[in-house]
Protein backbone atom coordinates (compact mmCIF):
# COMPACT_ATOMS: atom_id res chain seq x y z
CA UNK A 1 3.56 18.61 -8.45
CA UNK A 2 2.80 16.29 -5.54
CA UNK A 3 4.18 12.78 -5.42
CA UNK A 4 1.41 10.24 -6.09
CA UNK A 5 1.30 6.60 -5.05
CA UNK A 6 2.08 3.93 -7.64
CA UNK A 7 -0.88 1.88 -6.41
CA UNK A 8 -3.49 2.26 -3.69
CA UNK A 9 -5.64 -0.44 -2.09
CA UNK A 10 -8.74 0.59 -0.13
CA UNK A 11 -10.64 -1.76 2.14
CA UNK A 12 -13.30 0.06 4.10
CA UNK A 13 -11.63 2.86 6.05
CA UNK A 14 -8.14 1.35 5.52
CA UNK A 15 -5.89 2.68 2.75
CA UNK A 16 -2.62 1.02 1.79
CA UNK A 17 -0.46 2.95 -0.69
CA UNK A 18 2.70 1.96 -2.52
CA UNK A 19 5.25 4.69 -3.24
CA UNK A 20 8.16 4.62 -5.68
CA UNK A 21 11.52 5.58 -4.22
CA UNK A 22 14.04 6.17 -7.00
CA UNK A 23 17.64 5.42 -6.12
CA UNK A 24 20.66 5.47 -8.39
CA UNK A 25 22.50 3.14 -6.04
CA UNK A 26 19.75 0.53 -5.48
CA UNK A 27 17.35 1.14 -8.35
CA UNK A 28 13.70 1.93 -7.77
CA UNK A 29 12.19 0.49 -4.60
CA UNK A 30 8.66 0.61 -3.23
CA UNK A 31 7.61 1.67 0.25
CA UNK A 32 4.24 1.11 1.90
CA UNK A 33 2.07 3.47 3.95
CA UNK A 34 -1.01 2.39 5.89
CA UNK A 35 -3.69 4.71 7.25
CA UNK A 36 -7.23 4.66 8.50
CA UNK A 37 -9.70 7.48 7.85
CA UNK A 38 -12.54 8.31 10.19
CA UNK A 39 -15.01 11.12 10.68
CA UNK A 40 -14.97 13.19 13.86
CA UNK A 41 -18.00 15.45 13.79
CA UNK A 42 -17.99 17.00 10.32
CA UNK A 43 -14.22 16.67 9.86
CA UNK A 44 -12.37 13.76 8.28
CA UNK A 45 -9.24 12.67 10.12
CA UNK A 46 -6.71 9.89 9.76
CA UNK A 47 -4.80 7.68 12.13
CA UNK A 48 -2.14 4.99 12.06
CA UNK A 49 -3.77 3.15 14.98
CA UNK A 50 -6.00 0.16 14.34
CA UNK A 51 -8.37 -1.95 16.41
CA UNK A 52 -8.85 -5.71 16.39
CA UNK A 53 -11.68 -5.47 13.83
CA UNK A 54 -9.28 -3.78 11.39
CA UNK A 55 -6.82 -6.68 11.40
CA UNK A 56 -8.55 -8.80 8.69
CA UNK A 57 -8.76 -5.71 6.44
CA UNK A 58 -5.08 -4.97 7.04
CA UNK A 59 -4.16 -8.57 6.29
CA UNK A 60 -6.12 -8.56 3.03
CA UNK A 61 -4.77 -5.18 1.93
CA UNK A 62 -1.17 -6.05 2.75
CA UNK A 63 -1.49 -9.37 0.89
CA UNK A 64 -2.77 -7.52 -2.18
CA UNK A 65 0.08 -4.99 -1.91
CA UNK A 66 2.64 -7.78 -1.61
CA UNK A 67 1.21 -9.61 -4.63
CA UNK A 68 1.29 -6.40 -6.67
CA UNK A 69 4.95 -5.82 -5.75
CA UNK A 70 5.98 -9.40 -6.51
CA UNK A 71 4.13 -9.46 -9.83
CA UNK A 72 5.56 -6.06 -10.79
CA UNK A 73 9.09 -7.21 -10.00
CA UNK A 74 8.71 -10.46 -11.94
CA UNK A 75 7.24 -8.53 -14.89
CA UNK A 76 10.19 -6.11 -14.77
CA UNK A 77 12.63 -9.05 -14.71
CA UNK A 78 10.64 -11.00 -17.36
CA UNK A 79 10.25 -13.86 -14.88
CA UNK A 80 7.21 -15.99 -14.44
CA UNK A 81 5.36 -15.58 -11.12
CA UNK A 82 5.91 -18.34 -8.56
CA UNK A 83 2.22 -19.20 -8.37
């Protein structure tokens, strides 16, 4: 069975995924992958390169990912969010 992301945020062609990394030593941590999909002819491809017009989408997606992580951690620790 393939590993699936914990959460995925899509903004246009940009996809930001959060992945759980279990660790006995450090506990579960989350890592982030960022990719952009585009069509070349009839084939879909992906890249990790972005142009200047992608920056606002990246900023929004990364902010959402960060908020998800912070809220998940505070929920796990039974803390109230800082905002």
